C-alpha atoms as a PDB file:
ATOM      1  CA  UNK A   1      92.628  64.701-176.194  1.00  0.00           C
ATOM      2  CA  UNK A   2      89.860  66.401-177.887  1.00  0.00           C
ATOM      3  CA  UNK A   3      86.825  67.296-175.822  1.00  0.00           C
ATOM      4  CA  UNK A   4      83.688  66.338-177.798  1.00  0.00           C
ATOM      5  CA  UNK A   5      80.204  66.958-176.535  1.00  0.00           C
ATOM      6  CA  UNK A   6      77.639  64.203-177.105  1.00  0.00           C
ATOM      7  CA  UNK A   7      74.360  65.164-178.745  1.00  0.00           C
ATOM      8  CA  UNK A   8      70.937  63.549-178.212  1.00  0.00           C
ATOM      9  CA  UNK A   9      68.255  63.261-175.525  1.00  0.00           C
ATOM     10  CA  UNK A  10      68.770  62.226-171.983  1.00  0.00           C
ATOM     11  CA  UNK A  11      66.701  59.516-170.337  1.00  0.00           C
ATOM     12  CA  UNK A  12      64.813  62.110-168.286  1.00  0.00           C
ATOM     13  CA  UNK A  13      63.876  64.097-171.406  1.00  0.00           C
ATOM     14  CA  UNK A  14      62.594  60.936-173.137  1.00  0.00           C
ATOM     15  CA  UNK A  15      60.485  59.970-170.120  1.00  0.00           C
ATOM     16  CA  UNK A  16      58.965  63.469-169.890  1.00  0.00           C
ATOM     17  CA  UNK A  17      58.161  63.396-173.615  1.00  0.00           C
ATOM     18  CA  UNK A  18      56.551  59.956-173.272  1.00  0.00           C
ATOM     19  CA  UNK A  19      54.458  61.134-170.304  1.00  0.00           C
ATOM     20  CA  UNK A  20      53.242  64.195-172.221  1.00  0.00           C
ATOM     21  CA  UNK A  21      52.468  62.027-175.277  1.00  0.00           C
ATOM     22  CA  UNK A  22      50.530  59.555-173.143  1.00  0.00           C
ATOM     23  CA  UNK A  23      48.418  62.335-171.628  1.00  0.00           C
ATOM     24  CA  UNK A  24      47.650  63.705-175.103  1.00  0.00           C
ATOM     25  CA  UNK A  25      46.699  60.253-176.462  1.00  0.00           C
ATOM     26  CA  UNK A  26      44.473  59.522-173.435  1.00  0.00           C
ATOM     27  CA  UNK A  27      42.747  62.889-173.890  1.00  0.00           C
ATOM     28  CA  UNK A  28      42.137  62.202-177.578  1.00  0.00           C
ATOM     29  CA  UNK A  29      40.797  58.727-176.747  1.00  0.00           C
ATOM     30  CA  UNK A  30      38.424  60.160-174.153  1.00  0.00           C
ATOM     31  CA  UNK A  31      37.236  62.753-176.653  1.00  0.00           C
ATOM     32  CA  UNK A  32      36.586  59.991-179.211  1.00  0.00           C
ATOM     33  CA  UNK A  33      34.608  57.872-176.719  1.00  0.00           C
ATOM     34  CA  UNK A  34      32.527  60.843-175.592  1.00  0.00           C
ATOM     35  CA  UNK A  35      31.779  61.798-179.196  1.00  0.00           C
ATOM     36  CA  UNK A  36      30.802  58.218-180.036  1.00  0.00           C
ATOM     37  CA  UNK A  37      28.456  57.960-177.023  1.00  0.00           C
ATOM     38  CA  UNK A  38      26.868  61.292-177.903  1.00  0.00           C
ATOM     39  CA  UNK A  39      26.343  60.136-181.483  1.00  0.00           C
ATOM     40  CA  UNK A  40      24.607  56.952-180.263  1.00  0.00           C
ATOM     41  CA  UNK A  41      22.288  58.918-177.968  1.00  0.00           C
ATOM     42  CA  UNK A  42      21.435  61.468-180.660  1.00  0.00           C
ATOM     43  CA  UNK A  43      20.781  58.657-183.143  1.00  0.00           C
ATOM     44  CA  UNK A  44      18.472  56.886-180.668  1.00  0.00           C
ATOM     45  CA  UNK A  45      16.619  60.109-179.916  1.00  0.00           C
ATOM     46  CA  UNK A  46      16.218  60.970-183.593  1.00  0.00           C
ATOM     47  CA  UNK A  47      14.818  57.488-184.321  1.00  0.00           C
ATOM     48  CA  UNK A  48      12.288  57.909-181.508  1.00  0.00           C
ATOM     49  CA  UNK A  49      11.376  61.352-182.779  1.00  0.00           C
ATOM     50  CA  UNK A  50      10.973  60.017-186.312  1.00  0.00           C
ATOM     51  CA  UNK A  51       8.735  57.210-185.029  1.00  0.00           C
ATOM     52  CA  UNK A  52       6.598  59.630-183.023  1.00  0.00           C
ATOM     53  CA  UNK A  53       6.233  62.060-185.931  1.00  0.00           C
ATOM     54  CA  UNK A  54       5.198  59.235-188.267  1.00  0.00           C
ATOM     55  CA  UNK A  55       2.761  57.706-185.759  1.00  0.00           C
ATOM     56  CA  UNK A  56       1.188  61.042-184.847  1.00  0.00           C
ATOM     57  CA  UNK A  57       0.776  61.956-188.509  1.00  0.00           C
ATOM     58  CA  UNK A  58      -0.888  58.632-189.361  1.00  0.00           C
ATOM     59  CA  UNK A  59      -3.124  58.633-186.292  1.00  0.00           C
ATOM     60  CA  UNK A  60      -4.126  62.277-186.566  1.00  0.00           C
ATOM     61  CA  UNK A  61      -4.916  62.022-190.276  1.00  0.00           C
ATOM     62  CA  UNK A  62      -6.977  58.851-189.841  1.00  0.00           C
ATOM     63  CA  UNK A  63      -8.945  60.184-186.889  1.00  0.00           C
ATOM     64  CA  UNK A  64      -9.539  63.562-188.489  1.00  0.00           C
ATOM     65  CA  UNK A  65     -10.622  62.227-191.876  1.00  0.00           C
ATOM     66  CA  UNK A  66     -12.607  59.144-190.916  1.00  0.00           C
ATOM     67  CA  UNK A  67     -16.368  59.579-190.932  1.00  0.00           C
ATOM     68  CA  UNK A  68     -16.942  56.531-188.783  1.00  0.00           C
ATOM     69  CA  UNK A  69     -14.333  55.954-186.085  1.00  0.00           C
ATOM     70  CA  UNK A  70     -15.320  52.303-185.948  1.00  0.00           C
ATOM     71  CA  UNK A  71     -13.725  51.817-189.368  1.00  0.00           C
ATOM     72  CA  UNK A  72     -10.321  52.089-187.667  1.00  0.00           C
ATOM     73  CA  UNK A  73      -9.360  50.342-184.477  1.00  0.00           C
ATOM     74  CA  UNK A  74      -5.905  51.042-183.127  1.00  0.00           C
ATOM     75  CA  UNK A  75      -4.425  48.616-180.665  1.00  0.00           C
ATOM     76  CA  UNK A  76      -1.133  48.321-178.854  1.00  0.00           C
ATOM     77  CA  UNK A  77       0.271  44.783-178.862  1.00  0.00           C
ATOM     78  CA  UNK A  78       3.533  42.945-178.283  1.00  0.00           C
ATOM     79  CA  UNK A  79       5.950  43.113-181.191  1.00  0.00           C
ATOM     80  CA  UNK A  80       6.438  39.708-182.779  1.00  0.00           C
ATOM     81  CA  UNK A  81      10.213  39.800-183.144  1.00  0.00           C
ATOM     82  CA  UNK A  82      10.827  41.449-179.752  1.00  0.00           C
ATOM     83  CA  UNK A  83       8.314  40.577-177.006  1.00  0.00           C
ATOM     84  CA  UNK A  84       9.751  43.310-174.761  1.00  0.00           C
ATOM     85  CA  UNK A  85       8.397  46.000-177.106  1.00  0.00           C
ATOM     86  CA  UNK A  86       4.934  47.141-178.101  1.00  0.00           C
ATOM     87  CA  UNK A  87       3.788  48.139-181.555  1.00  0.00           C
ATOM     88  CA  UNK A  88       0.825  50.145-182.807  1.00  0.00           C
ATOM     89  CA  UNK A  89      -1.426  48.125-185.067  1.00  0.00           C
ATOM     90  CA  UNK A  90      -4.399  49.279-187.127  1.00  0.00           C
ATOM     91  CA  UNK A  91      -7.404  47.094-187.823  1.00  0.00           C
ATOM     92  CA  UNK A  92      -9.689  48.336-190.568  1.00  0.00           C
ATOM     93  CA  UNK A  93     -13.264  47.116-190.886  1.00  0.00           C
ATOM     94  CA  UNK A  94     -12.669  44.110-188.649  1.00  0.00           C
ATOM     95  CA  UNK A  95      -9.672  42.791-190.640  1.00  0.00           C
ATOM     96  CA  UNK A  96      -6.421  41.536-189.184  1.00  0.00           C
ATOM     97  CA  UNK A  97      -4.290  44.164-187.415  1.00  0.00           C
ATOM     98  CA  UNK A  98      -1.525  45.621-189.580  1.00  0.00           C
ATOM     99  CA  UNK A  99       1.570  47.067-187.876  1.00  0.00           C
ATOM    100  CA  UNK A 100       2.140  50.799-188.156  1.00  0.00           C
ATOM    101  CA  UNK A 101       5.117  51.357-185.893  1.00  0.00           C
ATOM    102  CA  UNK A 102       7.070  49.469-183.239  1.00  0.00           C
ATOM    103  CA  UNK A 103       9.674  50.190-180.603  1.00  0.00           C
ATOM    104  CA  UNK A 104       7.351  51.437-177.872  1.00  0.00           C
ATOM    105  CA  UNK A 105       7.864  50.346-174.285  1.00  0.00           C
ATOM    106  CA  UNK A 106       5.389  48.237-172.332  1.00  0.00           C
ATOM    107  CA  UNK A 107       3.782  50.252-169.557  1.00  0.00           C
ATOM    108  CA  UNK A 108       5.391  50.009-166.102  1.00  0.00           C
ATOM    109  CA  UNK A 109       6.309  46.770-164.332  1.00  0.00           C
ATOM    110  CA  UNK A 110       3.455  44.683-165.683  1.00  0.00           C
ATOM    111  CA  UNK A 111       5.110  44.633-169.093  1.00  0.00           C
ATOM    112  CA  UNK A 112       1.726  44.951-170.792  1.00  0.00           C
ATOM    113  CA  UNK A 113       0.875  46.803-173.962  1.00  0.00           C
ATOM    114  CA  UNK A 114      -2.190  48.669-172.684  1.00  0.00           C
ATOM    115  CA  UNK A 115      -4.460  49.758-175.550  1.00  0.00           C
ATOM    116  CA  UNK A 116      -6.761  51.594-173.117  1.00  0.00           C
ATOM    117  CA  UNK A 117      -3.856  53.779-172.021  1.00  0.00           C
ATOM    118  CA  UNK A 118      -2.627  54.218-175.595  1.00  0.00           C
ATOM    119  CA  UNK A 119      -5.844  55.689-177.046  1.00  0.00           C
ATOM    120  CA  UNK A 120      -8.886  56.961-175.171  1.00  0.00           C
ATOM    121  CA  UNK A 121     -11.543  59.615-175.402  1.00  0.00           C
ATOM    122  CA  UNK A 122     -10.301  62.854-173.884  1.00  0.00           C
ATOM    123  CA  UNK A 123     -11.953  64.138-170.728  1.00  0.00           C
ATOM    124  CA  UNK A 124     -13.514  67.558-170.313  1.00  0.00           C
ATOM    125  CA  UNK A 125     -13.238  69.812-167.267  1.00  0.00           C
ATOM    126  CA  UNK A 126     -16.284  68.118-165.767  1.00  0.00           C
ATOM    127  CA  UNK A 127     -14.636  64.675-166.196  1.00  0.00           C
ATOM    128  CA  UNK A 128     -16.946  63.494-168.961  1.00  0.00           C
ATOM    129  CA  UNK A 129     -15.767  62.047-172.270  1.00  0.00           C
ATOM    130  CA  UNK A 130     -15.489  64.545-175.120  1.00  0.00           C
ATOM    131  CA  UNK A 131     -16.868  63.128-178.352  1.00  0.00           C
ATOM    132  CA  UNK A 132     -14.448  63.528-181.265  1.00  0.00           C
ATOM    133  CA  UNK A 133     -11.501  64.424-179.021  1.00  0.00           C
ATOM    134  CA  UNK A 134      -8.954  61.613-178.544  1.00  0.00           C
ATOM    135  CA  UNK A 135      -6.003  61.289-176.197  1.00  0.00           C
ATOM    136  CA  UNK A 136      -2.924  59.254-177.268  1.00  0.00           C
ATOM    137  CA  UNK A 137      -0.063  58.171-175.007  1.00  0.00           C
ATOM    138  CA  UNK A 138       3.268  56.686-176.134  1.00  0.00           C
ATOM    139  CA  UNK A 139       5.801  55.192-173.729  1.00  0.00           C
ATOM    140  CA  UNK A 140       9.509  54.871-174.572  1.00  0.00           C
ATOM    141  CA  UNK A 141      12.311  53.222-172.640  1.00  0.00           C
ATOM    142  CA  UNK A 142      14.820  55.693-171.310  1.00  0.00           C
ATOM    143  CA  UNK A 143      17.565  54.423-169.067  1.00  0.00           C
ATOM    144  CA  UNK A 144      15.885  52.604-166.195  1.00  0.00           C
ATOM    145  CA  UNK A 145      12.492  54.278-166.569  1.00  0.00           C
ATOM    146  CA  UNK A 146       9.837  55.319-169.035  1.00  0.00           C
ATOM    147  CA  UNK A 147       9.511  58.497-171.040  1.00  0.00           C
ATOM    148  CA  UNK A 148       5.912  59.324-171.862  1.00  0.00           C
ATOM    149  CA  UNK A 149       4.581  61.457-174.697  1.00  0.00           C
ATOM    150  CA  UNK A 150       0.894  62.417-174.799  1.00  0.00           C
ATOM    151  CA  UNK A 151      -1.083  64.389-177.343  1.00  0.00           C
ATOM    152  CA  UNK A 152      -4.680  65.060-178.349  1.00  0.00           C
ATOM    153  CA  UNK A 153      -6.348  64.762-181.730  1.00  0.00           C
ATOM    154  CA  UNK A 154      -9.589  66.515-182.592  1.00  0.00           C
ATOM    155  CA  UNK A 155     -12.006  65.303-185.208  1.00  0.00           C
ATOM    156  CA  UNK A 156     -12.545  67.760-188.054  1.00  0.00           C
ATOM    157  CA  UNK A 157     -16.115  68.201-189.227  1.00  0.00           C
ATOM    158  CA  UNK A 158     -16.660  70.053-192.468  1.00  0.00           C
END
């Protein structure tokens, strides 16, 4: 009889190859999920940044250029389509408030859109109001808490 050797893979070799392949596929899947989550977070952050840049530009330009600050009244109110959000609205010369930007978070547990916290006269070192110097505060939802951004705008007099 002729002695012929069989060729092919043994069961052990196939199982080792399948285990290695499974580890590689799981690693690639984890990498995909991590990349997707990072993309979502970066997209959310960039949208917030875009909203803040737009709002600060509009508010700063209006407050710096306006001769009479009573021409513009900025309020923070509940967003119509999403009552869990606040939006900045501008009222000019006593007209109806027009939305500027939305997506802000209500302040703390009360769930209120507090206009007094949103825009106020800035305080000096002695605690008195500084005329022509405004303080703005935006609140954003972040996880379980709030992320706050504050800035000041000074009136320009030429």
